[in-house]
Every structure is written in C-alpha cells, then in structure tokens.
Amino acid sequence: MTKYFIEDEAIEWEQIDTGVQRKIMAYDPSLMIVKIEFEKGGIGPLHQHPHVQITHVQSGLFEVSIDGKKQILKGGDAFYVSPNLIHGVLCLEKGILIDTFSPMRQDFL
C-alpha cells in the first residue's frame, strides 16, 4: 500500500556519524528523500555514488564541496550533484539538509 502522508515525528533518527543523524522520510525505486541533521562541525565526508542528488538546505550553514569546488550555503539554498561526482559537506552552523536521490539509495536501507 502506498503511504501518501509521512509524519516526521513517526520516524526515528539514525546516528550515522559523530554529530550527524538521518531520517529516511520516503522512497520508492525511483526516488528517495532523506533528512540529515548536523551539529556544528559535523561532516558529510567526500564520497561519490551513481545517483542524481539534489539537496535543499533547510537550516544552518554548510561548506559544500562538489567536484573540487567549494561554496558556503545557508538555509533556503540548494545544490545539485551529478552522478559519480565527488562531494561532501562541513557543517559550519547547526542545521538540516534535505537530500533527494534518483534512483533510491538501496545502500541506505
């Protein structure tokens, strides 16, 4: 059965690193949305994957690195990552990122 409504409070946080936790909000084989909360100094280490990624900065301040280029983004900003580009983030001010992936990240399940 398709789940049409996703309530944030019903999903538990998963600790994925020091100062970093995530919630897998919703997914199907073609799309996934993930909420990631960072404490100041939290790191999303440089990595790559075959998925298209678009990330919305819900809050906070992040230094984002994509393909060797860096930029500081704040709440309301977003970034796009093509498949297989090396990317990562450093949290400069506590905040939340909303990641979308296509297709879904099977490795997150």
N, C-alpha and C. Protein backbone atom coordinates (compact mmCIF):
# COMPACT_ATOMS: atom_id res chain seq x y z
N MET A 1 0.85 -1.19 0.00
CA MET A 1 0.00 0.00 0.00
C MET A 1 0.89 1.24 0.00
N THR A 2 0.53 2.21 -0.80
CA THR A 2 1.28 3.45 -0.90
C THR A 2 1.03 4.30 0.33
N LYS A 3 2.10 4.87 0.86
CA LYS A 3 1.98 5.77 2.00
C LYS A 3 1.98 7.19 1.45
N TYR A 4 0.84 7.86 1.53
CA TYR A 4 0.69 9.19 0.96
C TYR A 4 1.19 10.30 1.88
N PHE A 5 1.10 10.07 3.18
CA PHE A 5 1.45 11.11 4.14
C PHE A 5 2.54 10.58 5.07
N ILE A 6 3.59 11.37 5.24
CA ILE A 6 4.72 10.98 6.08
C ILE A 6 4.82 11.98 7.22
N GLU A 7 4.72 11.49 8.45
CA GLU A 7 4.79 12.36 9.62
C GLU A 7 6.18 12.27 10.23
N ASP A 8 6.84 13.40 10.33
CA ASP A 8 8.21 13.48 10.81
C ASP A 8 8.39 12.81 12.18
N GLU A 9 7.46 13.07 13.10
CA GLU A 9 7.58 12.54 14.46
C GLU A 9 7.50 11.02 14.51
N ALA A 10 6.94 10.40 13.49
CA ALA A 10 6.79 8.94 13.47
C ALA A 10 8.07 8.22 13.03
N ILE A 11 9.08 8.97 12.59
CA ILE A 11 10.32 8.38 12.07
C ILE A 11 11.45 8.67 13.04
N GLU A 12 12.17 7.62 13.43
CA GLU A 12 13.28 7.78 14.38
C GLU A 12 14.56 8.21 13.66
N TRP A 13 15.38 8.98 14.37
CA TRP A 13 16.69 9.36 13.86
C TRP A 13 17.62 8.16 13.92
N GLU A 14 18.51 8.07 12.95
CA GLU A 14 19.56 7.06 12.91
C GLU A 14 20.90 7.79 12.98
N GLN A 15 21.70 7.49 14.00
CA GLN A 15 23.02 8.13 14.15
C GLN A 15 23.94 7.54 13.08
N ILE A 16 24.51 8.37 12.21
CA ILE A 16 25.38 7.85 11.16
C ILE A 16 26.84 8.24 11.32
N ASP A 17 27.11 9.23 12.18
CA ASP A 17 28.48 9.65 12.46
C ASP A 17 28.42 10.61 13.64
N THR A 18 29.57 11.02 14.14
CA THR A 18 29.60 11.98 15.23
C THR A 18 28.97 13.30 14.76
N GLY A 19 27.92 13.72 15.46
CA GLY A 19 27.27 14.98 15.13
C GLY A 19 26.41 14.94 13.88
N VAL A 20 26.09 13.72 13.39
CA VAL A 20 25.28 13.59 12.17
C VAL A 20 24.26 12.47 12.36
N GLN A 21 22.98 12.79 12.11
CA GLN A 21 21.94 11.76 12.16
C GLN A 21 20.97 11.98 11.01
N ARG A 22 20.27 10.88 10.62
CA ARG A 22 19.38 11.00 9.47
C ARG A 22 18.07 10.26 9.70
N LYS A 23 17.08 10.67 8.90
CA LYS A 23 15.78 10.01 8.82
C LYS A 23 15.50 9.76 7.35
N ILE A 24 15.19 8.53 7.01
CA ILE A 24 14.72 8.23 5.65
C ILE A 24 13.23 8.52 5.65
N MET A 25 12.85 9.59 4.99
CA MET A 25 11.47 10.07 5.05
C MET A 25 10.53 9.27 4.16
N ALA A 26 10.95 9.01 2.92
CA ALA A 26 10.10 8.27 1.99
C ALA A 26 10.93 7.84 0.80
N TYR A 27 10.47 6.76 0.14
CA TYR A 27 11.18 6.29 -1.06
C TYR A 27 10.32 5.32 -1.84
N ASP A 28 10.66 5.21 -3.10
CA ASP A 28 10.22 4.12 -3.97
C ASP A 28 11.42 3.82 -4.85
N PRO A 29 11.35 2.88 -5.76
CA PRO A 29 12.55 2.53 -6.53
C PRO A 29 13.17 3.70 -7.32
N SER A 30 12.38 4.70 -7.65
CA SER A 30 12.90 5.78 -8.50
C SER A 30 13.32 7.04 -7.74
N LEU A 31 12.95 7.15 -6.46
CA LEU A 31 13.17 8.41 -5.75
C LEU A 31 13.26 8.17 -4.25
N MET A 32 14.11 8.97 -3.58
CA MET A 32 14.23 8.87 -2.11
C MET A 32 14.45 10.27 -1.55
N ILE A 33 13.85 10.53 -0.39
CA ILE A 33 14.09 11.79 0.33
C ILE A 33 14.56 11.46 1.75
N VAL A 34 15.65 12.13 2.15
CA VAL A 34 16.30 11.85 3.43
C VAL A 34 16.59 13.17 4.14
N LYS A 35 16.24 13.23 5.42
CA LYS A 35 16.53 14.40 6.25
C LYS A 35 17.79 14.10 7.06
N ILE A 36 18.76 15.02 7.04
CA ILE A 36 20.01 14.82 7.77
C ILE A 36 20.25 16.03 8.66
N GLU A 37 20.43 15.76 9.96
CA GLU A 37 20.68 16.82 10.92
C GLU A 37 22.16 16.80 11.31
N PHE A 38 22.78 17.98 11.27
CA PHE A 38 24.20 18.13 11.58
C PHE A 38 24.37 19.05 12.78
N GLU A 39 25.23 18.66 13.70
CA GLU A 39 25.72 19.57 14.73
C GLU A 39 26.85 20.38 14.10
N LYS A 40 27.17 21.53 14.68
CA LYS A 40 28.29 22.32 14.18
C LYS A 40 29.54 21.45 14.19
N GLY A 41 30.28 21.45 13.08
CA GLY A 41 31.48 20.63 12.94
C GLY A 41 31.22 19.25 12.37
N GLY A 42 29.94 18.88 12.23
CA GLY A 42 29.60 17.58 11.64
C GLY A 42 30.03 17.54 10.18
N ILE A 43 30.44 16.35 9.76
CA ILE A 43 30.98 16.20 8.40
C ILE A 43 30.21 15.15 7.62
N GLY A 44 29.86 15.50 6.40
CA GLY A 44 29.42 14.53 5.41
C GLY A 44 30.64 14.31 4.53
N PRO A 45 31.42 13.25 4.79
CA PRO A 45 32.72 13.09 4.12
C PRO A 45 32.62 13.02 2.60
N LEU A 46 33.71 13.38 1.94
CA LEU A 46 33.76 13.30 0.47
C LEU A 46 33.45 11.87 0.03
N HIS A 47 32.57 11.75 -0.94
CA HIS A 47 32.16 10.45 -1.46
C HIS A 47 31.54 10.64 -2.84
N GLN A 48 31.22 9.54 -3.47
CA GLN A 48 30.52 9.59 -4.76
C GLN A 48 29.57 8.41 -4.85
N HIS A 49 28.57 8.53 -5.71
CA HIS A 49 27.59 7.46 -5.93
C HIS A 49 26.95 7.68 -7.30
N PRO A 50 26.31 6.64 -7.84
CA PRO A 50 25.75 6.74 -9.20
C PRO A 50 24.40 7.45 -9.27
N HIS A 51 23.91 7.97 -8.14
CA HIS A 51 22.60 8.60 -8.09
C HIS A 51 22.69 10.10 -8.38
N VAL A 52 21.65 10.65 -8.97
CA VAL A 52 21.49 12.10 -9.05
C VAL A 52 21.05 12.54 -7.65
N GLN A 53 21.62 13.65 -7.18
CA GLN A 53 21.27 14.16 -5.85
C GLN A 53 20.97 15.65 -5.95
N ILE A 54 19.85 16.05 -5.35
CA ILE A 54 19.54 17.46 -5.16
C ILE A 54 19.28 17.64 -3.68
N THR A 55 19.96 18.62 -3.08
CA THR A 55 19.86 18.83 -1.65
C THR A 55 19.38 20.24 -1.35
N HIS A 56 18.39 20.33 -0.48
CA HIS A 56 17.86 21.62 -0.01
C HIS A 56 18.44 21.86 1.38
N VAL A 57 19.01 23.04 1.60
CA VAL A 57 19.50 23.42 2.92
C VAL A 57 18.30 23.99 3.68
N GLN A 58 17.76 23.19 4.59
CA GLN A 58 16.59 23.65 5.35
C GLN A 58 16.98 24.71 6.36
N SER A 59 18.13 24.49 7.02
CA SER A 59 18.60 25.45 8.02
C SER A 59 20.10 25.27 8.21
N GLY A 60 20.72 26.23 8.88
CA GLY A 60 22.14 26.13 9.18
C GLY A 60 23.02 26.76 8.11
N LEU A 61 24.31 26.46 8.23
CA LEU A 61 25.32 26.99 7.32
C LEU A 61 26.28 25.86 7.00
N PHE A 62 26.52 25.60 5.71
CA PHE A 62 27.32 24.46 5.28
C PHE A 62 28.34 24.88 4.23
N GLU A 63 29.56 24.36 4.36
CA GLU A 63 30.55 24.45 3.29
C GLU A 63 30.36 23.20 2.45
N VAL A 64 29.96 23.39 1.21
CA VAL A 64 29.66 22.28 0.31
C VAL A 64 30.77 22.16 -0.73
N SER A 65 31.26 20.96 -0.92
CA SER A 65 32.30 20.69 -1.91
C SER A 65 31.73 19.75 -2.97
N ILE A 66 31.82 20.18 -4.23
CA ILE A 66 31.36 19.35 -5.36
C ILE A 66 32.41 19.42 -6.45
N ASP A 67 32.97 18.29 -6.79
CA ASP A 67 33.94 18.20 -7.88
C ASP A 67 35.09 19.19 -7.70
N GLY A 68 35.57 19.33 -6.44
CA GLY A 68 36.71 20.20 -6.16
C GLY A 68 36.37 21.67 -5.96
N LYS A 69 35.10 22.05 -6.17
CA LYS A 69 34.68 23.44 -5.97
C LYS A 69 33.96 23.53 -4.63
N LYS A 70 34.18 24.64 -3.91
CA LYS A 70 33.55 24.82 -2.60
C LYS A 70 32.73 26.10 -2.58
N GLN A 71 31.61 26.02 -1.85
CA GLN A 71 30.78 27.20 -1.66
C GLN A 71 30.06 27.07 -0.33
N ILE A 72 29.83 28.19 0.33
CA ILE A 72 29.08 28.20 1.59
C ILE A 72 27.62 28.47 1.27
N LEU A 73 26.74 27.58 1.79
CA LEU A 73 25.30 27.70 1.55
C LEU A 73 24.58 27.80 2.89
N LYS A 74 23.46 28.53 2.87
CA LYS A 74 22.67 28.76 4.08
C LYS A 74 21.24 28.26 3.86
N GLY A 75 20.46 28.30 4.94
CA GLY A 75 19.06 27.90 4.86
C GLY A 75 18.35 28.54 3.68
N GLY A 76 17.63 27.73 2.91
CA GLY A 76 16.92 28.22 1.72
C GLY A 76 17.66 27.95 0.43
N ASP A 77 18.98 27.70 0.52
CA ASP A 77 19.79 27.39 -0.67
C ASP A 77 19.67 25.91 -1.01
N ALA A 78 20.24 25.52 -2.14
CA ALA A 78 20.22 24.12 -2.57
C ALA A 78 21.46 23.84 -3.41
N PHE A 79 21.73 22.55 -3.63
CA PHE A 79 22.81 22.17 -4.55
C PHE A 79 22.46 20.89 -5.29
N TYR A 80 23.09 20.75 -6.45
CA TYR A 80 22.85 19.63 -7.36
C TYR A 80 24.16 18.86 -7.55
N VAL A 81 24.07 17.53 -7.50
CA VAL A 81 25.24 16.68 -7.70
C VAL A 81 24.93 15.67 -8.80
N SER A 82 25.68 15.74 -9.90
CA SER A 82 25.54 14.76 -10.98
C SER A 82 26.07 13.40 -10.52
N PRO A 83 25.63 12.33 -11.16
CA PRO A 83 26.13 11.00 -10.79
C PRO A 83 27.66 10.94 -10.81
N ASN A 84 28.21 10.27 -9.80
CA ASN A 84 29.64 9.96 -9.67
C ASN A 84 30.55 11.14 -9.40
N LEU A 85 30.04 12.35 -9.16
CA LEU A 85 30.90 13.46 -8.77
C LEU A 85 31.25 13.33 -7.29
N ILE A 86 32.49 13.62 -6.95
CA ILE A 86 32.90 13.59 -5.55
C ILE A 86 32.35 14.83 -4.87
N HIS A 87 31.70 14.61 -3.71
CA HIS A 87 31.07 15.72 -2.99
C HIS A 87 31.02 15.42 -1.49
N GLY A 88 30.83 16.47 -0.69
CA GLY A 88 30.71 16.33 0.75
C GLY A 88 30.38 17.67 1.36
N VAL A 89 30.11 17.67 2.68
CA VAL A 89 29.76 18.91 3.38
C VAL A 89 30.46 18.98 4.73
N LEU A 90 30.65 20.22 5.18
CA LEU A 90 31.11 20.52 6.53
C LEU A 90 30.09 21.48 7.12
N CYS A 91 29.55 21.13 8.27
CA CYS A 91 28.55 21.98 8.92
C CYS A 91 29.24 23.09 9.71
N LEU A 92 28.98 24.33 9.33
CA LEU A 92 29.57 25.49 9.99
C LEU A 92 28.67 26.04 11.09
N GLU A 93 27.37 25.78 10.96
CA GLU A 93 26.37 26.21 11.94
C GLU A 93 25.28 25.15 11.94
N LYS A 94 24.92 24.62 13.11
CA LYS A 94 23.95 23.53 13.22
C LYS A 94 22.81 23.70 12.21
N GLY A 95 22.47 22.59 11.52
CA GLY A 95 21.41 22.70 10.53
C GLY A 95 20.93 21.37 10.01
N ILE A 96 20.02 21.46 9.06
CA ILE A 96 19.39 20.29 8.46
C ILE A 96 19.46 20.39 6.94
N LEU A 97 19.84 19.27 6.31
CA LEU A 97 19.80 19.13 4.86
C LEU A 97 18.70 18.15 4.49
N ILE A 98 18.03 18.42 3.38
CA ILE A 98 17.03 17.50 2.84
C ILE A 98 17.58 17.00 1.51
N ASP A 99 18.01 15.73 1.50
CA ASP A 99 18.57 15.11 0.30
C ASP A 99 17.49 14.39 -0.48
N THR A 100 17.52 14.55 -1.81
CA THR A 100 16.70 13.72 -2.69
C THR A 100 17.64 12.99 -3.63
N PHE A 101 17.32 11.73 -3.87
CA PHE A 101 18.14 10.87 -4.73
C PHE A 101 17.26 10.20 -5.77
N SER A 102 17.82 10.06 -6.97
CA SER A 102 17.17 9.28 -8.01
C SER A 102 18.24 8.46 -8.72
N PRO A 103 18.08 7.14 -8.80
CA PRO A 103 17.03 6.36 -8.11
C PRO A 103 17.32 6.32 -6.61
N MET A 104 16.48 5.60 -5.87
CA MET A 104 16.64 5.50 -4.41
C MET A 104 18.01 4.94 -4.04
N ARG A 105 18.48 5.22 -2.84
CA ARG A 105 19.74 4.71 -2.31
C ARG A 105 19.47 3.39 -1.60
N GLN A 106 19.60 2.29 -2.30
CA GLN A 106 19.41 0.96 -1.71
C GLN A 106 20.37 0.76 -0.54
N ASP A 107 21.57 1.34 -0.61
CA ASP A 107 22.58 1.17 0.44
C ASP A 107 22.17 1.84 1.76
N PHE A 108 21.16 2.70 1.77
CA PHE A 108 20.69 3.34 2.99
C PHE A 108 19.72 2.45 3.77
N LEU A 109 19.19 1.43 3.12
CA LEU A 109 18.14 0.61 3.76
C LEU A 109 18.69 -0.50 4.58
